[in-house]
PDB file of N, CA and C in Angstrom:
ATOM      1  N   MET A   1     -15.803 -13.061 -13.722  1.00  0.00           N
ATOM      2  CA  MET A   1     -14.423 -12.933 -13.337  1.00  0.00           C
ATOM      3  C   MET A   1     -14.014 -11.466 -13.236  1.00  0.00           C
ATOM      4  N   ILE A   2     -14.525 -10.636 -14.137  1.00  0.00           N
ATOM      5  CA  ILE A   2     -14.190  -9.210 -14.121  1.00  0.00           C
ATOM      6  C   ILE A   2     -14.726  -8.559 -12.856  1.00  0.00           C
ATOM      7  N   ILE A   3     -15.911  -8.948 -12.434  1.00  0.00           N
ATOM      8  CA  ILE A   3     -16.495  -8.387 -11.223  1.00  0.00           C
ATOM      9  C   ILE A   3     -15.657  -8.750 -10.009  1.00  0.00           C
ATOM     10  N   LEU A   4     -15.180  -9.978  -9.943  1.00  0.00           N
ATOM     11  CA  LEU A   4     -14.353 -10.418  -8.838  1.00  0.00           C
ATOM     12  C   LEU A   4     -13.047  -9.635  -8.780  1.00  0.00           C
ATOM     13  N   SER A   5     -12.421  -9.396  -9.925  1.00  0.00           N
ATOM     14  CA  SER A   5     -11.158  -8.668  -9.927  1.00  0.00           C
ATOM     15  C   SER A   5     -11.350  -7.204  -9.548  1.00  0.00           C
ATOM     16  N   SER A   6     -12.467  -6.608  -9.932  1.00  0.00           N
ATOM     17  CA  SER A   6     -12.699  -5.207  -9.531  1.00  0.00           C
ATOM     18  C   SER A   6     -12.955  -5.109  -8.038  1.00  0.00           C
ATOM     19  N   TRP A   7     -13.606  -6.089  -7.448  1.00  0.00           N
ATOM     20  CA  TRP A   7     -13.800  -6.086  -5.983  1.00  0.00           C
ATOM     21  C   TRP A   7     -12.485  -6.278  -5.266  1.00  0.00           C
ATOM     22  N   ALA A   8     -11.626  -7.141  -5.809  1.00  0.00           N
ATOM     23  CA  ALA A   8     -10.323  -7.379  -5.206  1.00  0.00           C
ATOM     24  C   ALA A   8      -9.467  -6.111  -5.259  1.00  0.00           C
ATOM     25  N   ALA A   9      -9.495  -5.408  -6.376  1.00  0.00           N
ATOM     26  CA  ALA A   9      -8.747  -4.166  -6.504  1.00  0.00           C
ATOM     27  C   ALA A   9      -9.277  -3.106  -5.548  1.00  0.00           C
ATOM     28  N   THR A  10     -10.582  -3.030  -5.414  1.00  0.00           N
ATOM     29  CA  THR A  10     -11.190  -2.076  -4.491  1.00  0.00           C
ATOM     30  C   THR A  10     -10.798  -2.392  -3.056  1.00  0.00           C
ATOM     31  N   LEU A  11     -10.814  -3.651  -2.694  1.00  0.00           N
ATOM     32  CA  LEU A  11     -10.425  -4.063  -1.350  1.00  0.00           C
ATOM     33  C   LEU A  11      -8.952  -3.750  -1.091  1.00  0.00           C
ATOM     34  N   LEU A  12      -8.098  -4.023  -2.055  1.00  0.00           N
ATOM     35  CA  LEU A  12      -6.672  -3.760  -1.917  1.00  0.00           C
ATOM     36  C   LEU A  12      -6.383  -2.272  -1.760  1.00  0.00           C
ATOM     37  N   CYS A  13      -7.021  -1.467  -2.585  1.00  0.00           N
ATOM     38  CA  CYS A  13      -6.809  -0.016  -2.495  1.00  0.00           C
ATOM     39  C   CYS A  13      -7.347   0.550  -1.179  1.00  0.00           C
ATOM     40  N   THR A  14      -8.476   0.064  -0.723  1.00  0.00           N
ATOM     41  CA  THR A  14      -9.036   0.520   0.547  1.00  0.00           C
ATOM     42  C   THR A  14      -8.141   0.120   1.708  1.00  0.00           C
ATOM     43  N   ALA A  15      -7.626  -1.103   1.694  1.00  0.00           N
ATOM     44  CA  ALA A  15      -6.728  -1.544   2.764  1.00  0.00           C
ATOM     45  C   ALA A  15      -5.450  -0.720   2.786  1.00  0.00           C
ATOM     46  N   THR A  16      -4.926  -0.395   1.613  1.00  0.00           N
ATOM     47  CA  THR A  16      -3.723   0.433   1.546  1.00  0.00           C
ATOM     48  C   THR A  16      -3.987   1.830   2.099  1.00  0.00           C
ATOM     49  N   ALA A  17      -5.113   2.421   1.719  1.00  0.00           N
ATOM     50  CA  ALA A  17      -5.447   3.749   2.211  1.00  0.00           C
ATOM     51  C   ALA A  17      -5.652   3.754   3.731  1.00  0.00           C
ATOM     52  N   MET A  18      -6.320   2.755   4.262  1.00  0.00           N
ATOM     53  CA  MET A  18      -6.544   2.691   5.705  1.00  0.00           C
ATOM     54  C   MET A  18      -5.229   2.500   6.463  1.00  0.00           C
ATOM     55  N   THR A  19      -4.321   1.714   5.895  1.00  0.00           N
ATOM     56  CA  THR A  19      -3.014   1.528   6.523  1.00  0.00           C
ATOM     57  C   THR A  19      -2.238   2.838   6.549  1.00  0.00           C
ATOM     58  N   CYS A  20      -2.265   3.561   5.453  1.00  0.00           N
ATOM     59  CA  CYS A  20      -1.545   4.843   5.389  1.00  0.00           C
ATOM     60  C   CYS A  20      -2.142   5.858   6.360  1.00  0.00           C
ATOM     61  N   MET A  21      -3.459   5.928   6.427  1.00  0.00           N
ATOM     62  CA  MET A  21      -4.085   6.935   7.287  1.00  0.00           C
ATOM     63  C   MET A  21      -3.950   6.598   8.763  1.00  0.00           C
ATOM     64  N   SER A  22      -3.862   5.321   9.106  1.00  0.00           N
ATOM     65  CA  SER A  22      -3.782   4.946  10.516  1.00  0.00           C
ATOM     66  C   SER A  22      -2.352   4.799  11.023  1.00  0.00           C
ATOM     67  N   SER A  23      -1.358   4.989  10.161  1.00  0.00           N
ATOM     68  CA  SER A  23       0.023   4.790  10.569  1.00  0.00           C
ATOM     69  C   SER A  23       0.602   5.962  11.370  1.00  0.00           C
ATOM     70  N   GLY A  24       0.014   7.136  11.241  1.00  0.00           N
ATOM     71  CA  GLY A  24       0.541   8.300  11.919  1.00  0.00           C
ATOM     72  C   GLY A  24       1.562   9.060  11.098  1.00  0.00           C
ATOM     73  N   ILE A  25       1.895   8.580   9.911  1.00  0.00           N
ATOM     74  CA  ILE A  25       2.834   9.276   9.022  1.00  0.00           C
ATOM     75  C   ILE A  25       2.041  10.291   8.219  1.00  0.00           C
ATOM     76  N   ASN A  26       2.424  11.553   8.328  1.00  0.00           N
ATOM     77  CA  ASN A  26       1.735  12.595   7.575  1.00  0.00           C
ATOM     78  C   ASN A  26       2.307  12.685   6.166  1.00  0.00           C
ATOM     79  N   PRO A  27       1.433  12.773   5.167  1.00  0.00           N
ATOM     80  CA  PRO A  27       1.939  12.851   3.800  1.00  0.00           C
ATOM     81  C   PRO A  27       2.557  14.224   3.541  1.00  0.00           C
ATOM     82  N   ALA A  28       3.841  14.260   3.347  1.00  0.00           N
ATOM     83  CA  ALA A  28       4.552  15.493   3.039  1.00  0.00           C
ATOM     84  C   ALA A  28       4.839  15.557   1.546  1.00  0.00           C
ATOM     85  N   LYS A  29       5.357  16.673   1.099  1.00  0.00           N
ATOM     86  CA  LYS A  29       5.642  16.818  -0.330  1.00  0.00           C
ATOM     87  C   LYS A  29       6.644  15.762  -0.811  1.00  0.00           C
ATOM     88  N   GLU A  30       7.642  15.440   0.031  1.00  0.00           N
ATOM     89  CA  GLU A  30       8.636  14.438  -0.372  1.00  0.00           C
ATOM     90  C   GLU A  30       8.126  13.011  -0.212  1.00  0.00           C
ATOM     91  N   LEU A  31       7.022  12.830   0.498  1.00  0.00           N
ATOM     92  CA  LEU A  31       6.430  11.495   0.674  1.00  0.00           C
ATOM     93  C   LEU A  31       5.109  11.427  -0.080  1.00  0.00           C
ATOM     94  N   GLN A  32       5.176  11.211  -1.359  1.00  0.00           N
ATOM     95  CA  GLN A  32       3.972  11.101  -2.150  1.00  0.00           C
ATOM     96  C   GLN A  32       3.945   9.742  -2.836  1.00  0.00           C
ATOM     97  N   GLY A  33       2.752   9.204  -3.006  1.00  0.00           N
ATOM     98  CA  GLY A  33       2.591   7.951  -3.729  1.00  0.00           C
ATOM     99  C   GLY A  33       3.169   6.758  -2.993  1.00  0.00           C
ATOM    100  N   ALA A  34       3.979   5.996  -3.699  1.00  0.00           N
ATOM    101  CA  ALA A  34       4.530   4.752  -3.158  1.00  0.00           C
ATOM    102  C   ALA A  34       5.450   4.986  -1.968  1.00  0.00           C
ATOM    103  N   LEU A  35       6.132   6.131  -1.930  1.00  0.00           N
ATOM    104  CA  LEU A  35       7.008   6.407  -0.785  1.00  0.00           C
ATOM    105  C   LEU A  35       6.209   6.539   0.504  1.00  0.00           C
ATOM    106  N   TRP A  36       5.034   7.152   0.430  1.00  0.00           N
ATOM    107  CA  TRP A  36       4.185   7.277   1.618  1.00  0.00           C
ATOM    108  C   TRP A  36       3.701   5.905   2.072  1.00  0.00           C
ATOM    109  N   VAL A  37       3.345   5.068   1.109  1.00  0.00           N
ATOM    110  CA  VAL A  37       2.908   3.708   1.445  1.00  0.00           C
ATOM    111  C   VAL A  37       4.052   2.928   2.087  1.00  0.00           C
ATOM    112  N   GLN A  38       5.264   3.056   1.543  1.00  0.00           N
ATOM    113  CA  GLN A  38       6.407   2.356   2.115  1.00  0.00           C
ATOM    114  C   GLN A  38       6.694   2.834   3.548  1.00  0.00           C
ATOM    115  N   GLU A  39       6.668   4.123   3.781  1.00  0.00           N
ATOM    116  CA  GLU A  39       6.909   4.635   5.127  1.00  0.00           C
ATOM    117  C   GLU A  39       5.821   4.201   6.098  1.00  0.00           C
ATOM    118  N   SER A  40       4.572   4.193   5.625  1.00  0.00           N
ATOM    119  CA  SER A  40       3.455   3.770   6.481  1.00  0.00           C
ATOM    120  C   SER A  40       3.573   2.303   6.846  1.00  0.00           C
ATOM    121  N   LEU A  41       3.911   1.471   5.879  1.00  0.00           N
ATOM    122  CA  LEU A  41       4.058   0.045   6.159  1.00  0.00           C
ATOM    123  C   LEU A  41       5.292  -0.233   7.002  1.00  0.00           C
ATOM    124  N   GLN A  42       6.340   0.564   6.844  1.00  0.00           N
ATOM    125  CA  GLN A  42       7.510   0.395   7.695  1.00  0.00           C
ATOM    126  C   GLN A  42       7.164   0.740   9.141  1.00  0.00           C
ATOM    127  N   GLU A  43       6.312   1.741   9.326  1.00  0.00           N
ATOM    128  CA  GLU A  43       5.864   2.099  10.668  1.00  0.00           C
ATOM    129  C   GLU A  43       5.009   0.973  11.268  1.00  0.00           C
ATOM    130  N   SER A  44       4.186   0.331  10.429  1.00  0.00           N
ATOM    131  CA  SER A  44       3.281  -0.710  10.905  1.00  0.00           C
ATOM    132  C   SER A  44       3.959  -2.082  11.031  1.00  0.00           C
ATOM    133  N   LEU A  45       4.767  -2.454  10.029  1.00  0.00           N
ATOM    134  CA  LEU A  45       5.325  -3.803   9.971  1.00  0.00           C
ATOM    135  C   LEU A  45       6.819  -3.875  10.263  1.00  0.00           C
ATOM    136  N   GLY A  46       7.446  -2.748  10.493  1.00  0.00           N
ATOM    137  CA  GLY A  46       8.885  -2.740  10.750  1.00  0.00           C
ATOM    138  C   GLY A  46       9.672  -2.808   9.443  1.00  0.00           C
ATOM    139  N   SER A  47      10.830  -3.425   9.481  1.00  0.00           N
ATOM    140  CA  SER A  47      11.693  -3.468   8.299  1.00  0.00           C
ATOM    141  C   SER A  47      11.122  -4.330   7.177  1.00  0.00           C
ATOM    142  N   PHE A  48      10.124  -5.132   7.471  1.00  0.00           N
ATOM    143  CA  PHE A  48       9.482  -5.967   6.447  1.00  0.00           C
ATOM    144  C   PHE A  48       8.533  -5.147   5.569  1.00  0.00           C
ATOM    145  N   GLY A  49       8.111  -3.977   6.005  1.00  0.00           N
ATOM    146  CA  GLY A  49       7.124  -3.176   5.287  1.00  0.00           C
ATOM    147  C   GLY A  49       7.517  -2.802   3.870  1.00  0.00           C
ATOM    148  N   PRO A  50       8.691  -2.181   3.656  1.00  0.00           N
ATOM    149  CA  PRO A  50       9.069  -1.827   2.275  1.00  0.00           C
ATOM    150  C   PRO A  50       9.250  -3.044   1.361  1.00  0.00           C
ATOM    151  N   ILE A  51       9.723  -4.143   1.910  1.00  0.00           N
ATOM    152  CA  ILE A  51       9.866  -5.357   1.109  1.00  0.00           C
ATOM    153  C   ILE A  51       8.495  -5.868   0.694  1.00  0.00           C
ATOM    154  N   PHE A  52       7.557  -5.858   1.646  1.00  0.00           N
ATOM    155  CA  PHE A  52       6.197  -6.321   1.360  1.00  0.00           C
ATOM    156  C   PHE A  52       5.546  -5.483   0.274  1.00  0.00           C
ATOM    157  N   ILE A  53       5.648  -4.161   0.359  1.00  0.00           N
ATOM    158  CA  ILE A  53       4.983  -3.327  -0.638  1.00  0.00           C
ATOM    159  C   ILE A  53       5.651  -3.460  -2.010  1.00  0.00           C
ATOM    160  N   ALA A  54       6.959  -3.660  -2.054  1.00  0.00           N
ATOM    161  CA  ALA A  54       7.622  -3.860  -3.348  1.00  0.00           C
ATOM    162  C   ALA A  54       7.143  -5.144  -4.022  1.00  0.00           C
ATOM    163  N   VAL A  55       7.065  -6.212  -3.261  1.00  0.00           N
ATOM    164  CA  VAL A  55       6.588  -7.489  -3.820  1.00  0.00           C
ATOM    165  C   VAL A  55       5.114  -7.371  -4.204  1.00  0.00           C
ATOM    166  N   ALA A  56       4.310  -6.717  -3.381  1.00  0.00           N
ATOM    167  CA  ALA A  56       2.885  -6.562  -3.682  1.00  0.00           C
ATOM    168  C   ALA A  56       2.686  -5.739  -4.952  1.00  0.00           C
ATOM    169  N   MET A  57       3.496  -4.703  -5.142  1.00  0.00           N
ATOM    170  CA  MET A  57       3.377  -3.876  -6.350  1.00  0.00           C
ATOM    171  C   MET A  57       3.752  -4.658  -7.612  1.00  0.00           C
ATOM    172  N   VAL A  58       4.744  -5.529  -7.502  1.00  0.00           N
ATOM    173  CA  VAL A  58       5.118  -6.368  -8.641  1.00  0.00           C
ATOM    174  C   VAL A  58       3.984  -7.326  -8.990  1.00  0.00           C
ATOM    175  N   PHE A  59       3.402  -7.977  -7.985  1.00  0.00           N
ATOM    176  CA  PHE A  59       2.288  -8.880  -8.254  1.00  0.00           C
ATOM    177  C   PHE A  59       1.071  -8.126  -8.797  1.00  0.00           C
ATOM    178  N   PHE A  60       0.799  -6.935  -8.267  1.00  0.00           N
ATOM    179  CA  PHE A  60      -0.338  -6.149  -8.713  1.00  0.00           C
ATOM    180  C   PHE A  60      -0.135  -5.717 -10.177  1.00  0.00           C
ATOM    181  N   ALA A  61       1.104  -5.398 -10.544  1.00  0.00           N
ATOM    182  CA  ALA A  61       1.378  -4.986 -11.928  1.00  0.00           C
ATOM    183  C   ALA A  61       1.111  -6.115 -12.924  1.00  0.00           C
ATOM    184  N   PHE A  62       1.371  -7.357 -12.498  1.00  0.00           N
ATOM    185  CA  PHE A  62       1.149  -8.479 -13.418  1.00  0.00           C
ATOM    186  C   PHE A  62      -0.281  -8.977 -13.429  1.00  0.00           C
ATOM    187  N   THR A  63      -1.109  -8.536 -12.510  1.00  0.00           N
ATOM    188  CA  THR A  63      -2.513  -8.938 -12.559  1.00  0.00           C
ATOM    189  C   THR A  63      -3.260  -8.030 -13.468  1.00  0.00           C
TER     190      THR A  63
END
């Protein structure tokens, strides 16, 4: 079970990084961490992006 969860975390982190890098949003000093992810997902998914990342972060915190 531990191996499965580490693979899931690796996949999730890789998907997040690829989304941020392919969004076209450059990471600036004011856009660090979760703010950069929110802006990147807003660029990719529209207004649903920040809502999605907030819910995903809550679920990730409880896992």
